[in-house]
Protein backbone atom coordinates (compact mmCIF):
# COMPACT_ATOMS: atom_id res chain seq x y z
CA MET A 1 189.21 8.74 150.73
CA ILE A 2 187.57 12.25 149.63
CA LYS A 3 189.87 13.70 152.36
CA ASN A 4 193.22 12.34 150.28
CA PHE A 5 191.44 13.45 147.52
CA GLN A 6 191.57 16.87 148.94
CA ASN A 7 194.91 16.72 150.64
CA THR A 8 196.56 15.42 147.05
CA PHE A 9 194.58 18.45 145.31
CA ARG A 10 195.73 21.16 147.98
CA GLU A 11 199.38 19.80 147.47
CA LEU A 12 199.70 20.29 143.70
CA HIS A 13 196.99 22.82 142.47
CA ILE A 14 199.47 25.11 141.34
CA PHE A 15 201.03 21.95 139.20
CA LEU A 16 197.50 20.98 138.33
CA ILE A 17 197.51 25.23 136.68
CA LEU A 18 200.19 24.82 134.91
CA TRP A 19 199.78 21.30 133.60
CA LEU A 20 196.16 22.28 132.21
CA THR A 21 197.02 25.24 130.79
CA GLN A 22 200.37 24.04 129.43
CA SER A 23 198.72 21.03 127.94
CA PHE A 24 196.15 23.07 126.63
CA SER A 25 198.67 25.12 124.72
CA SER A 26 200.63 21.91 123.63
CA LEU A 27 197.77 20.92 121.79
CA GLY A 28 197.58 23.96 119.45
CA SER A 29 201.18 23.88 118.68
CA ALA A 30 200.71 20.16 117.87
CA MET A 31 197.34 20.73 115.69
CA THR A 32 199.78 23.77 113.75
CA ALA A 33 202.66 21.01 113.27
CA PHE A 34 200.34 17.98 112.41
CA ALA A 35 198.51 20.50 109.89
CA LEU A 36 202.16 22.05 108.35
CA VAL A 37 203.50 18.48 107.86
CA ILE A 38 200.22 17.31 105.69
CA TRP A 39 200.66 20.62 103.73
CA SER A 40 204.88 19.55 103.02
CA TYR A 41 203.99 16.25 102.23
CA GLN A 42 201.51 17.58 99.63
CA GLU A 43 203.13 20.04 98.35
CA GLN A 44 206.24 18.21 98.20
CA GLY A 45 205.56 14.60 98.32
CA SER A 46 209.10 13.66 100.16
CA ALA A 47 209.60 11.62 103.10
CA LEU A 48 212.87 13.32 103.39
CA VAL A 49 211.39 16.91 102.91
CA THR A 50 208.84 15.83 105.29
CA SER A 51 211.63 14.71 107.71
CA LEU A 52 213.77 17.98 107.48
CA LEU A 53 211.36 19.68 109.52
CA THR A 54 211.75 17.88 112.47
CA ILE A 55 215.66 18.08 111.69
CA CYS A 56 215.19 21.35 112.27
CA SER A 57 213.71 21.32 115.33
CA TYR A 58 215.69 18.80 117.21
CA ALA A 59 218.88 20.17 115.44
CA PRO A 60 219.57 23.54 117.59
CA TYR A 61 217.89 21.51 120.77
CA VAL A 62 220.82 18.87 120.55
CA LEU A 63 223.78 20.96 119.78
CA LEU A 64 223.04 23.55 122.54
CA SER A 65 220.99 21.91 125.66
CA ILE A 66 224.21 21.66 127.47
CA PHE A 67 224.61 25.07 127.71
CA ALA A 68 221.12 26.07 127.66
CA GLY A 69 220.27 23.65 131.18
CA ALA A 70 223.26 25.85 132.62
CA LEU A 71 221.47 28.78 131.82
CA SER A 72 218.28 27.31 133.12
CA ASP A 73 219.89 26.95 136.20
CA ARG A 74 220.67 30.51 136.81
CA TRP A 75 217.39 31.74 135.31
CA ASN A 76 214.09 32.73 136.84
CA LYS A 77 212.01 29.69 135.72
CA LYS A 78 208.85 30.99 135.15
CA THR A 79 210.10 33.97 133.02
CA THR A 80 212.04 31.84 131.15
CA ILE A 81 209.12 29.77 129.91
CA LEU A 82 207.05 33.27 129.40
CA LEU A 83 209.57 34.33 127.14
CA SER A 84 210.17 30.61 125.19
CA ASP A 85 206.46 30.64 124.74
CA SER A 86 206.10 34.34 123.40
CA PHE A 87 208.85 33.67 120.57
CA ALA A 88 207.36 30.24 119.46
CA ALA A 89 204.11 32.36 119.32
CA LEU A 90 205.61 35.01 117.31
CA CYS A 91 207.12 32.33 114.98
CA THR A 92 203.59 31.01 114.26
CA VAL A 93 202.12 34.17 113.54
CA SER A 94 204.98 34.65 111.23
CA VAL A 95 203.53 31.40 109.06
CA PHE A 96 200.09 32.60 109.60
CA ILE A 97 201.15 35.89 107.60
CA LEU A 98 203.30 33.54 104.94
CA LEU A 99 199.87 31.25 104.61
CA SER A 100 197.51 34.37 104.02
CA THR A 101 199.54 35.96 101.62
CA ASP A 102 200.30 32.80 99.92
CA LYS A 103 204.40 32.94 99.78
CA LEU A 104 204.59 30.10 102.49
CA GLN A 105 207.54 28.20 100.99
CA ILE A 106 209.10 25.14 102.44
CA TRP A 107 212.06 26.76 103.84
CA HIS A 108 210.32 29.72 105.70
CA LEU A 109 209.27 26.25 107.61
CA TYR A 110 212.73 24.87 108.04
CA LEU A 111 213.80 28.60 109.00
CA ILE A 112 210.72 28.47 111.99
CA ASN A 113 211.34 25.43 113.23
CA THR A 114 215.29 26.38 113.74
CA LEU A 115 214.35 28.73 115.73
CA ASN A 116 211.49 27.14 117.78
CA GLY A 117 214.08 24.58 118.16
CA LEU A 118 216.36 27.27 119.88
CA MET A 119 213.87 28.42 122.28
CA ASN A 120 212.55 25.21 123.25
CA THR A 121 216.08 24.43 124.61
CA VAL A 122 215.95 27.00 126.86
CA GLN A 123 212.23 25.94 128.31
CA GLN A 124 212.78 22.05 128.56
CA PRO A 125 215.16 22.13 131.35
CA ALA A 126 213.29 25.43 133.33
CA SER A 127 210.09 23.30 132.58
CA ASP A 128 211.70 20.07 133.90
CA VAL A 129 212.71 21.62 136.95
CA SER A 130 209.41 23.81 137.57
CA ILE A 131 207.76 20.31 138.24
CA SER A 132 210.28 19.04 140.37
CA LEU A 133 209.95 22.57 142.22
CA LEU A 134 205.91 22.67 142.71
CA ALA A 135 205.11 18.89 143.19
CA PRO A 136 206.30 17.49 146.52
CA GLU A 137 208.35 14.26 145.70
CA LYS A 138 205.76 11.81 147.07
CA HIS A 139 203.23 12.97 144.18
CA TYR A 140 206.19 12.09 141.75
CA GLN A 141 204.73 8.98 140.31
CA LYS A 142 201.64 10.37 140.00
CA VAL A 143 202.62 13.56 138.23
CA SER A 144 204.49 12.21 135.57
CA GLY A 145 201.32 10.06 135.02
CA MET A 146 198.90 13.37 134.25
CA ARG A 147 201.78 14.44 132.26
CA SER A 148 201.80 11.53 129.98
CA LEU A 149 197.74 11.07 130.33
CA SER A 150 197.92 15.25 128.82
CA ASN A 151 200.68 13.79 126.21
CA SER A 152 197.99 11.05 125.41
CA LEU A 153 195.21 13.23 125.51
CA VAL A 154 196.77 15.95 122.91
CA THR A 155 197.83 12.64 120.57
CA ILE A 156 193.91 11.85 120.37
CA LEU A 157 193.07 14.97 119.76
CA THR A 158 195.51 16.73 117.75
CA PRO A 159 194.99 14.00 114.46
CA VAL A 160 190.96 14.70 114.83
CA LEU A 161 190.49 18.51 115.93
CA ALA A 162 193.15 19.41 113.17
CA THR A 163 191.94 17.17 110.17
CA SER A 164 188.32 18.20 110.68
CA LEU A 165 189.63 22.13 110.55
CA LEU A 166 191.33 21.27 107.26
CA SER A 167 188.56 19.68 105.96
CA PHE A 168 185.55 21.98 107.12
CA THR A 169 187.75 25.16 107.04
CA SER A 170 191.56 25.73 106.53
CA ILE A 171 195.08 25.73 108.28
CA ARG A 172 194.64 29.28 108.57
CA VAL A 173 192.02 28.11 111.46
CA VAL A 174 194.16 25.86 112.73
CA ILE A 175 196.65 28.51 113.60
CA LEU A 176 193.96 30.66 115.04
CA PHE A 177 193.51 28.37 117.29
CA ASP A 178 197.21 27.77 118.50
CA PHE A 179 196.70 31.44 119.38
CA ILE A 180 193.91 31.01 121.68
CA THR A 181 195.41 28.04 123.61
CA PHE A 182 199.03 30.21 123.62
CA ALA A 183 197.21 33.22 125.04
CA THR A 184 195.64 30.75 127.53
CA ALA A 185 198.43 29.65 128.96
CA PHE A 186 200.66 32.91 129.01
CA VAL A 187 197.98 34.28 131.16
CA ALA A 188 197.49 31.55 133.42
CA LEU A 189 201.28 31.38 134.04
CA LEU A 190 201.68 34.67 134.46
CA PHE A 191 198.68 35.44 137.08
CA PHE A 192 198.06 32.50 138.88
CA VAL A 193 201.36 30.39 139.05
CA LYS A 194 204.29 31.39 141.58
CA ILE A 195 207.49 28.92 140.85
CA PRO A 196 209.45 28.70 143.78
CA GLN A 197 213.35 29.78 143.29
CA ILE A 198 215.98 26.88 143.81
CA LYS A 199 217.12 27.71 147.32
CA ASN A 200 220.80 26.42 147.13
CA ARG A 201 222.05 28.75 143.90
CA SER A 202 225.36 30.06 145.29
CA SER A 203 227.97 27.74 143.72
CA THR A 204 226.23 28.07 140.61
CA GLY A 205 226.64 32.16 140.47
CA ARG A 206 230.18 31.80 140.90
CA THR A 207 230.74 29.20 137.87
CA THR A 208 231.02 30.28 134.38
CA ILE A 209 228.47 28.94 131.70
CA LEU A 210 230.90 26.32 130.36
CA GLN A 211 232.03 25.09 133.99
CA SER A 212 228.03 24.83 134.58
CA ALA A 213 227.26 22.86 131.67
CA LYS A 214 231.11 20.46 132.52
CA SER A 215 229.58 19.81 135.97
CA GLY A 216 226.35 18.51 134.08
CA LEU A 217 228.29 15.43 131.91
CA ARG A 218 230.83 15.04 134.81
CA TYR A 219 227.66 14.08 136.72
CA LEU A 220 226.78 11.56 134.11
CA MET A 221 229.96 9.95 133.92
CA ASP A 222 230.18 9.75 137.60
CA ASN A 223 226.66 7.85 137.41
CA ARG A 224 227.02 5.40 134.92
CA GLY A 225 223.53 3.67 135.58
CA ILE A 226 221.72 6.47 134.71
CA LEU A 227 224.44 7.40 131.85
CA ASP A 228 223.95 3.98 130.43
CA LEU A 229 220.22 4.10 130.37
CA ILE A 230 220.33 7.67 128.84
CA LEU A 231 222.39 6.06 126.12
CA PHE A 232 219.69 3.07 125.66
CA LEU A 233 216.89 5.56 125.59
CA ALA A 234 219.13 7.29 122.80
CA VAL A 235 218.78 3.79 120.83
CA ILE A 236 215.98 3.59 121.40
CA ASN A 237 215.04 7.27 119.60
CA PHE A 238 216.95 6.67 116.74
CA THR A 239 214.78 3.68 115.87
CA ALA A 240 211.66 5.47 116.67
CA SER A 241 212.59 8.66 114.65
CA ILE A 242 213.02 6.55 111.54
CA PHE A 243 209.32 5.00 112.89
CA ASN A 244 207.80 8.77 112.73
CA ALA A 245 209.84 9.35 109.60
CA ALA A 246 208.18 6.25 107.84
CA LEU A 247 204.76 6.89 109.16
CA PRO A 248 203.68 9.11 107.17
CA ALA A 249 204.90 8.16 103.94
CA MET A 250 203.64 5.07 104.31
CA ILE A 251 200.06 5.86 105.61
CA LEU A 252 199.74 8.46 103.40
CA SER A 253 200.70 6.59 100.32
CA ARG A 254 199.92 2.96 100.41
CA ALA A 255 195.90 1.73 99.03
CA GLY A 256 193.40 1.86 101.75
CA GLY A 257 195.57 4.75 103.77
CA GLY A 258 195.16 8.47 103.45
CA GLU A 259 194.55 11.65 105.91
CA PHE A 260 192.28 9.96 107.54
CA ALA A 261 194.18 6.62 108.22
CA LEU A 262 197.08 8.44 109.80
CA GLY A 263 194.21 10.70 111.78
CA MET A 264 193.04 7.12 112.81
CA VAL A 265 196.41 5.74 113.83
CA ASN A 266 197.31 8.55 115.59
CA MET A 267 194.46 8.88 117.63
CA VAL A 268 194.58 5.20 118.56
CA THR A 269 198.01 5.79 119.40
CA GLY A 270 196.77 8.93 122.32
CA ILE A 271 194.08 6.25 123.31
CA ALA A 272 196.81 3.70 123.99
CA MET A 273 199.23 6.41 125.36
CA MET A 274 196.12 7.54 127.64
CA THR A 275 195.39 3.94 128.89
CA GLY A 276 198.82 3.76 129.98
CA SER A 277 198.88 6.91 131.47
CA ILE A 278 195.50 5.85 133.97
CA LEU A 279 197.22 2.66 134.92
CA VAL A 280 200.69 4.07 136.14
CA ALA A 281 199.15 7.23 137.99
CA PHE A 282 196.70 4.67 139.86
CA LEU A 283 199.31 2.00 140.43
CA PRO A 284 201.19 1.54 143.27
CA PRO A 285 205.57 2.09 142.42
CA PRO A 286 207.06 -0.98 141.52
CA LYS A 287 209.73 -3.46 142.69
CA SER A 288 212.00 -2.87 139.73
CA ARG A 289 211.65 0.29 138.48
CA VAL A 290 214.88 -0.38 135.97
CA ARG A 291 213.00 -3.89 135.05
CA VAL A 292 210.00 -1.91 134.09
CA ILE A 293 211.76 0.52 131.78
CA CYS A 294 213.42 -1.96 129.74
CA ASN A 295 210.66 -4.94 129.72
CA CYS A 296 208.31 -2.01 128.15
CA LEU A 297 210.63 -0.75 125.26
CA LEU A 298 211.19 -4.05 124.29
CA PHE A 299 207.62 -5.25 124.38
CA SER A 300 207.09 -1.90 122.31
CA MET A 301 209.33 -2.30 119.93
CA SER A 302 208.75 -5.94 119.25
CA THR A 303 205.39 -5.37 118.31
CA GLU A 304 203.97 -2.24 116.57
CA ASN A 305 207.17 -2.17 113.97
CA PHE A 306 205.53 -5.89 112.28
CA MET A 307 202.51 -4.81 112.62
CA LEU A 308 203.07 -2.06 110.55
CA ALA A 309 205.37 -3.93 107.67
CA PHE A 310 202.65 -7.04 107.42
CA GLY A 311 199.03 -4.86 107.98
CA ARG A 312 197.40 -4.10 105.23
CA ASN A 313 194.57 -1.88 106.37
CA THR A 314 193.51 0.80 108.89
CA PRO A 315 192.21 -1.63 111.65
CA VAL A 316 195.76 -3.68 111.55
CA TRP A 317 198.12 -0.37 111.55
CA CYS A 318 195.66 0.69 114.69
CA LEU A 319 196.26 -2.71 116.43
CA GLY A 320 199.87 -2.35 116.51
CA ALA A 321 199.87 1.19 117.32
CA ILE A 322 197.98 -0.03 120.58
CA LEU A 323 200.49 -2.29 121.17
CA GLY A 324 203.66 -0.30 120.63
CA TRP A 325 202.63 2.32 122.56
CA VAL A 326 200.50 1.33 125.58
CA PHE A 327 203.27 0.81 127.90
CA ILE A 328 205.23 3.81 126.76
CA PRO A 329 203.72 5.86 129.53
CA VAL A 330 204.56 3.92 131.92
CA MET A 331 207.84 2.95 131.25
CA SER A 332 208.23 7.30 131.14
CA ALA A 333 206.93 7.87 134.45
CA ASN A 334 209.38 5.50 135.80
CA MET A 335 212.19 6.55 133.93
CA ASP A 336 211.10 10.31 135.12
CA VAL A 337 210.80 8.86 138.92
CA LEU A 338 214.22 7.44 138.84
CA PHE A 339 215.80 10.82 137.67
CA ARG A 340 214.23 12.96 139.62
CA THR A 341 214.90 10.94 142.68
CA ILE A 342 218.58 10.62 141.92
CA ILE A 343 219.39 14.06 140.88
CA PRO A 344 219.96 16.68 143.10
CA ILE A 345 217.38 19.56 142.66
CA GLU A 346 220.19 22.23 142.49
CA MET A 347 221.94 19.62 139.55
CA GLN A 348 218.73 18.87 137.09
CA GLY A 349 218.53 21.94 134.97
CA ARG A 350 222.31 21.06 134.13
CA VAL A 351 222.07 17.09 134.12
CA TYR A 352 218.59 16.94 132.25
CA SER A 353 220.32 19.59 129.44
CA ALA A 354 223.24 17.17 129.16
CA ARG A 355 220.68 14.08 129.54
CA ASN A 356 219.30 16.19 126.45
CA THR A 357 221.56 16.05 124.23
CA LEU A 358 223.42 12.61 124.30
CA GLN A 359 219.49 11.10 124.68
CA PHE A 360 218.31 12.67 121.45
CA PHE A 361 220.52 13.22 119.44
CA THR A 362 219.84 10.28 117.84
CA ILE A 363 216.40 12.34 116.83
CA PRO A 364 217.35 14.35 113.85
CA LEU A 365 219.50 10.97 112.99
CA GLY A 366 216.95 8.95 112.83
CA TYR A 367 214.40 11.16 110.96
CA LEU A 368 217.60 12.11 108.37
CA CYS A 369 218.25 8.05 107.62
CA GLY A 370 214.30 7.59 107.70
CA GLY A 371 213.68 10.25 104.81
CA PHE A 372 216.65 8.97 103.01
CA LEU A 373 216.05 5.36 103.22
CA ILE A 374 212.69 5.66 102.24
CA ASP A 375 213.20 7.93 98.89
CA LYS A 376 216.44 6.69 97.95
CA VAL A 377 217.05 2.72 99.03
CA PHE A 378 213.33 0.99 100.19
CA GLU A 379 211.19 2.66 97.68
CA PRO A 380 213.25 2.16 94.45
CA PHE A 381 213.71 -1.27 95.81
CA MET A 382 210.62 -2.51 96.28
CA ALA A 383 209.32 -0.35 92.57
CA VAL A 384 211.69 -3.05 90.70
CA GLN A 385 210.62 -6.15 92.77
CA SER A 386 208.36 -8.71 90.79
CA LEU A 387 204.61 -9.26 91.68
CA ASP A 388 206.53 -13.13 93.14
CA SER A 389 209.01 -11.88 95.16
CA VAL A 390 209.26 -12.56 98.52
CA TYR A 391 209.54 -8.96 99.62
CA VAL A 392 206.07 -8.07 98.00
CA THR A 393 204.65 -11.03 99.66
CA LEU A 394 205.64 -9.80 102.90
CA VAL A 395 205.05 -6.09 102.71
CA GLY A 396 202.84 -5.95 99.55
CA ALA A 397 204.01 -3.62 96.18
CA GLY A 398 203.05 -0.20 95.16
CA LYS A 399 203.74 3.27 96.46
CA GLY A 400 204.05 2.80 100.37
CA SER A 401 205.61 -0.75 100.76
CA GLY A 402 209.23 0.33 100.89
CA ALA A 403 208.50 2.46 104.13
CA ALA A 404 206.38 -1.36 104.86
CA LEU A 405 209.77 -3.17 104.27
CA LEU A 406 211.56 -0.24 106.47
CA PHE A 407 209.31 -1.10 109.20
CA LEU A 408 210.33 -4.83 109.03
CA VAL A 409 213.71 -3.48 108.93
CA ILE A 410 214.04 -1.33 112.33
CA GLY A 411 211.71 -4.02 114.52
CA ILE A 412 213.95 -6.72 114.10
CA PHE A 413 217.06 -3.79 115.03
CA GLY A 414 214.38 -1.87 117.59
CA ALA A 415 214.18 -5.64 119.68
CA LEU A 416 217.11 -6.57 119.45
CA SER A 417 219.05 -3.42 120.61
CA CYS A 418 216.98 -3.66 124.01
CA LEU A 419 219.13 -6.93 124.76
CA PRO A 420 222.76 -5.34 125.99
CA PHE A 421 221.31 -2.72 128.06
CA LEU A 422 219.02 -5.72 129.59
CA ALA A 423 222.41 -7.17 130.90
CA ASP A 424 224.00 -3.85 131.75
CA ARG A 425 224.85 -3.89 135.70
CA ASN A 426 225.67 -0.12 135.40
CA ILE A 427 221.52 0.14 134.90
CA TRP A 428 220.28 -2.67 137.41
CA LYS A 429 222.55 -0.62 139.81
CA LEU A 430 220.28 1.66 139.84
CA GLU A 431 217.91 -0.10 142.31
CA GLU A 432 220.08 0.36 144.83
């Protein structure tokens, strides 16, 4: 067993350096984002205004991803990641300066998030392909589990550390910590990580950017199982984005909620994801990855939304977070292994970028719908309900009850949306 551990460590040691340092940097970025969400909601008191922060991040990502993948397949992966991270750091510096001079406004954050989203459009496919280049195929499931584990730890630590720093210091200290994490990841990647180049690049160099982008879409059209699976995730992302837009609005507004309650729910979400990540890292490959993916999403959609809708206190909300997120890393890892083993590595940048456009275009739509529905539909609707109304009986009264009613609606929609894809023959053919 010790020998197997030593062999695994030797085969993955470069990946481990990149994984650990980039995860540390992600923690700093997530803490800054968390602090700015709280700042914007306290300043504006609007779920729609806060949701627009995420919309601005995802809009350029969705619109330009399909072309970014073609560039990613041509460019040096290491240089692309270094430049993208440096640009993101400059954006964070600008936030720090505006805060220090008391000139920060919400439109500044919209602009900065848009620029960050633009750079992430190029960085993400480069990072995805780098994992395939650094990790042997036999370790793909283990690597996916480790990445889910780090994401889970970031989710756990972000609200705890960010809330603690906000309570005892200020948002500027959170941003300073972000700088430290960026510098650590930058130095490690620059001096200690060598990302191999893709061997078969001749055909890519002879094609135009538009032709390369079309080839990613053409690959998906020719592989309907992968395309249908991506569209399945697009529907789930739409529901999840409405969920993410509604969660801060409900917990920060409801009696028994607040910043501490929001932090607890986010922390428990991270613990649940960490548990699922550890599980998938050590489990043997399943007989049917497609069945695991579909069943995990159906279970998630059928649990947490209803717990948040009917729950009136933090323990119930935390229980919902456990049920909703514990199997998401299992789903994600199996999805990742399917894609990495089926899609040729020389095509992955273009295909992943086409996937990003198709799978994630519903995220800004979901955030926009979520913020609008809370501010303009569900909260006004619940505000005029009498105390003996069936809606008040189900989800309670007062500010935040409209968001709770929205959770009930998306719970039903999310569960029903899984059923057509469970019967999709093209998806099941991926098992062949």
